[in-house]
Each structure stands twice: as C-alpha cells, then as structure tokens.
Amino acid sequence: MSPPPASQADVHRLSRWSTSWRVLAAAAGIAALAHGTVADSDDFFPFGSMSQYASAHELDGQVRSAYMLADTETGRKQIPVPLHATGTGIGRAEVEGQLGRLVEDPSLLQTIADAYRAIHPERDQFTVLYLMRDTYQLRDGYVTGRPVTAELARWVVR
C-alpha cells in the first residue's frame, strides 16, 4: 500500500538562509573543481583535475609506474616500501602525484621514512630510500617486453 499523497500543508519551503548556504556550497564545489581542472592540480581532492577521465589511453603507448624501494638497518637491500595506509600512511597515488617535487627535492622522502618509523617502530627501519619508475611498452593494449626501470631519486635516511 502506498503512502497518501502529500498535501500543501506537508510541504515546507526552505528559508532564504537555507537556500543561500546550499547555493554557496554548490558554488564553492564547482569553483574548486574548475580550479583543479584549469590548474591540473589535485590540491583540493576530490575536486581535482578530471583529465584522467577525459580520453582513452593509447593502445600503442607507454605506461609508467612509480614505486619505492629501501635498504634497511639489517642490511636488506632494495625491499619494497609499503605505500598504503597501514604501511607508511602514504599511498602510491600520493607519491605519483608529487613525483616532480620528490625528484626535485629528494629530502622530502624523509617524511616517508619517518611515517614508517612512527607506524612500525618495532620493525627493521629504512636507511636508504629509492624512488623508482618502471616504463612498460604497450602494443595493442598489451605489455610487450620487459619494463625499463629508472631510479628517479635516492635519499639517505636520517
């Protein structure tokens, strides 16, 4: 059984104040989205650039993937750095989003070592961090051959 239709007495109009703040909130969201798109920035995430959704990927192009490796206090060499919430508190997408800054100023990698130490003080700590990137060649949308690996930055942890 469906509810009875609403009568005029059941309809409440928003006050001028309620309407105004809703319009202002919508305008602020649209302005942040426009800024992120024009500046190609994700500073106001999730109101960032929509360019990642704008076009199809090139089927015969390249795919680049950034990641980090580390040497540890016990002598283990170039182990994967866990770039996620429970590993370092910093996600891989955040690292890729700041790639230019990290390459220009590798001292920013200290933050990742500090975060890992704060989350996992009982574990083998990092002594050197390596910011790496693999480039995969695509043909018809499929990876061909081995990736080309490049070291983008290196930081000796303090």
Protein backbone atom coordinates (compact mmCIF):
# COMPACT_ATOMS: atom_id res chain seq x y z
CA MET A 1 0.00 0.00 0.00
CA SER A 2 1.46 3.39 -0.99
CA PRO A 3 1.52 6.38 1.35
CA PRO A 4 -1.09 9.08 0.86
CA PRO A 5 -0.08 11.97 -1.41
CA ALA A 6 1.49 14.96 0.34
CA SER A 7 -0.83 17.84 0.88
CA GLN A 8 0.16 21.51 0.66
CA ALA A 9 0.30 21.55 4.48
CA ASP A 10 3.05 18.83 4.41
CA VAL A 11 5.34 20.82 2.07
CA HIS A 12 7.87 23.08 3.80
CA ARG A 13 9.72 25.70 1.79
CA LEU A 14 13.35 26.40 2.59
CA SER A 15 14.10 29.69 4.25
CA ARG A 16 16.17 32.27 2.39
CA TRP A 17 19.15 31.39 4.63
CA SER A 18 18.82 27.63 3.92
CA THR A 19 18.63 28.24 0.19
CA SER A 20 21.58 30.67 0.29
CA TRP A 21 24.01 28.38 2.08
CA ARG A 22 23.16 25.48 -0.24
CA VAL A 23 23.79 27.67 -3.31
CA LEU A 24 27.09 28.90 -1.79
CA ALA A 25 28.22 25.35 -1.00
CA ALA A 26 27.44 24.23 -4.55
CA ALA A 27 29.27 27.27 -5.98
CA ALA A 28 32.33 26.55 -3.81
CA GLY A 29 32.39 22.93 -5.02
CA ILE A 30 32.12 23.99 -8.65
CA ALA A 31 34.86 26.62 -8.16
CA ALA A 32 37.19 24.02 -6.58
CA LEU A 33 36.50 21.60 -9.45
CA ALA A 34 37.15 24.34 -12.03
CA HIS A 35 40.40 25.33 -10.28
CA GLY A 36 41.60 21.71 -10.19
CA THR A 37 40.81 21.26 -13.87
CA VAL A 38 42.36 24.53 -15.07
CA ALA A 39 45.45 24.20 -12.85
CA ASP A 40 45.67 20.42 -13.47
CA SER A 41 46.02 20.02 -9.71
CA ASP A 42 44.54 17.77 -7.05
CA ASP A 43 45.28 20.14 -4.15
CA PHE A 44 41.56 20.20 -3.27
CA PHE A 45 40.93 16.46 -3.75
CA PRO A 46 38.38 15.19 -4.69
CA PHE A 47 37.86 18.42 -6.61
CA GLY A 48 40.91 17.78 -8.81
CA SER A 49 41.60 17.59 -12.47
CA MET A 50 39.25 15.39 -14.42
CA SER A 51 41.82 14.93 -17.20
CA GLN A 52 42.47 11.34 -16.14
CA TYR A 53 38.95 10.51 -17.31
CA ALA A 54 38.97 12.71 -20.41
CA SER A 55 40.31 10.37 -23.07
CA ALA A 56 41.15 6.79 -23.90
CA HIS A 57 44.67 5.57 -23.28
CA GLU A 58 46.97 5.00 -26.23
CA LEU A 59 46.97 1.28 -27.04
CA ASP A 60 50.46 1.51 -28.55
CA GLY A 61 51.97 3.84 -25.95
CA GLN A 62 53.73 3.59 -22.64
CA VAL A 63 52.60 3.06 -19.08
CA ARG A 64 54.71 4.41 -16.23
CA SER A 65 54.52 3.12 -12.68
CA ALA A 66 56.31 4.77 -9.75
CA TYR A 67 57.21 2.89 -6.59
CA MET A 68 59.75 2.92 -3.80
CA LEU A 69 62.43 0.57 -2.56
CA ALA A 70 64.53 0.74 0.60
CA ASP A 71 67.68 -0.57 2.20
CA THR A 72 67.27 -1.45 5.88
CA GLU A 73 69.29 -1.37 9.11
CA THR A 74 69.85 -5.15 8.99
CA GLY A 75 71.37 -4.93 5.51
CA ARG A 76 68.43 -5.99 3.36
CA LYS A 77 68.77 -4.26 0.00
CA GLN A 78 66.07 -2.63 -2.08
CA ILE A 79 62.99 -4.15 -0.48
CA PRO A 80 59.56 -2.78 -1.49
CA VAL A 81 58.28 0.15 0.59
CA PRO A 82 54.62 -0.43 1.53
CA LEU A 83 52.89 2.63 0.07
CA HIS A 84 49.46 2.31 1.67
CA ALA A 85 47.61 3.39 4.80
CA THR A 86 48.94 0.67 7.11
CA GLY A 87 52.46 0.62 5.65
CA THR A 88 53.61 4.22 5.61
CA GLY A 89 50.33 6.11 5.82
CA ILE A 90 51.13 7.45 2.35
CA GLY A 91 49.61 5.91 -0.77
CA ARG A 92 51.32 5.24 -4.05
CA ALA A 93 48.96 7.66 -5.80
CA GLU A 94 50.13 10.41 -3.45
CA VAL A 95 53.75 9.65 -4.33
CA GLU A 96 52.94 9.68 -8.05
CA GLY A 97 51.01 12.93 -7.62
CA GLN A 98 54.06 14.57 -6.01
CA LEU A 99 56.63 12.90 -8.26
CA GLY A 100 58.03 16.15 -9.66
CA ARG A 101 58.56 17.62 -6.20
CA LEU A 102 60.15 14.41 -4.91
CA VAL A 103 62.58 14.27 -7.82
CA GLU A 104 63.50 17.96 -7.40
CA ASP A 105 63.91 17.63 -3.62
CA PRO A 106 64.67 14.05 -2.51
CA SER A 107 64.82 15.22 1.13
CA LEU A 108 61.00 15.05 1.02
CA LEU A 109 61.41 11.26 1.07
CA GLN A 110 62.46 11.60 4.73
CA THR A 111 58.76 12.07 5.54
CA ILE A 112 58.03 8.56 4.27
CA ALA A 113 60.81 7.05 6.39
CA ASP A 114 59.56 8.98 9.43
CA ALA A 115 55.99 7.82 8.85
CA TYR A 116 57.10 4.18 8.54
CA ARG A 117 59.11 4.50 11.78
CA ALA A 118 56.10 6.01 13.59
CA ILE A 119 53.75 3.26 12.41
CA HIS A 120 56.21 0.35 12.80
CA PRO A 121 58.83 1.23 15.46
CA GLU A 122 59.48 -2.48 16.11
CA ARG A 123 60.41 -3.29 12.50
CA ASP A 124 63.69 -3.10 10.60
CA GLN A 125 63.98 0.60 9.69
CA PHE A 126 64.92 2.17 6.37
CA THR A 127 68.44 3.55 5.82
CA VAL A 128 68.17 4.49 2.14
CA LEU A 129 65.05 5.18 0.06
CA TYR A 130 64.92 4.82 -3.72
CA LEU A 131 62.19 6.42 -5.81
CA MET A 132 61.83 4.22 -8.89
CA ARG A 133 59.77 4.15 -12.07
CA ASP A 134 59.10 1.28 -14.46
CA THR A 135 58.06 2.13 -18.01
CA TYR A 136 56.12 -0.53 -19.89
CA GLN A 137 55.72 -0.50 -23.67
CA LEU A 138 52.24 -1.36 -24.96
CA ARG A 139 51.23 -2.87 -28.29
CA ASP A 140 47.50 -3.22 -28.94
CA GLY A 141 46.95 -2.56 -25.23
CA TYR A 142 49.23 -5.39 -24.05
CA VAL A 143 52.65 -5.13 -22.41
CA THR A 144 55.49 -6.16 -24.68
CA GLY A 145 58.94 -6.98 -23.40
CA ARG A 146 60.46 -6.10 -20.07
CA PRO A 147 59.95 -2.78 -18.33
CA VAL A 148 62.63 -0.12 -18.42
CA THR A 149 63.50 0.75 -14.83
CA ALA A 150 64.84 4.15 -13.80
CA GLU A 151 65.95 5.46 -10.42
CA LEU A 152 64.40 8.92 -10.09
CA ALA A 153 65.73 9.88 -6.67
CA ARG A 154 67.68 8.50 -3.72
CA TRP A 155 67.66 9.62 -0.10
CA VAL A 156 69.87 8.55 2.81
CA VAL A 157 67.53 8.42 5.80
CA ARG A 158 68.46 10.48 8.84
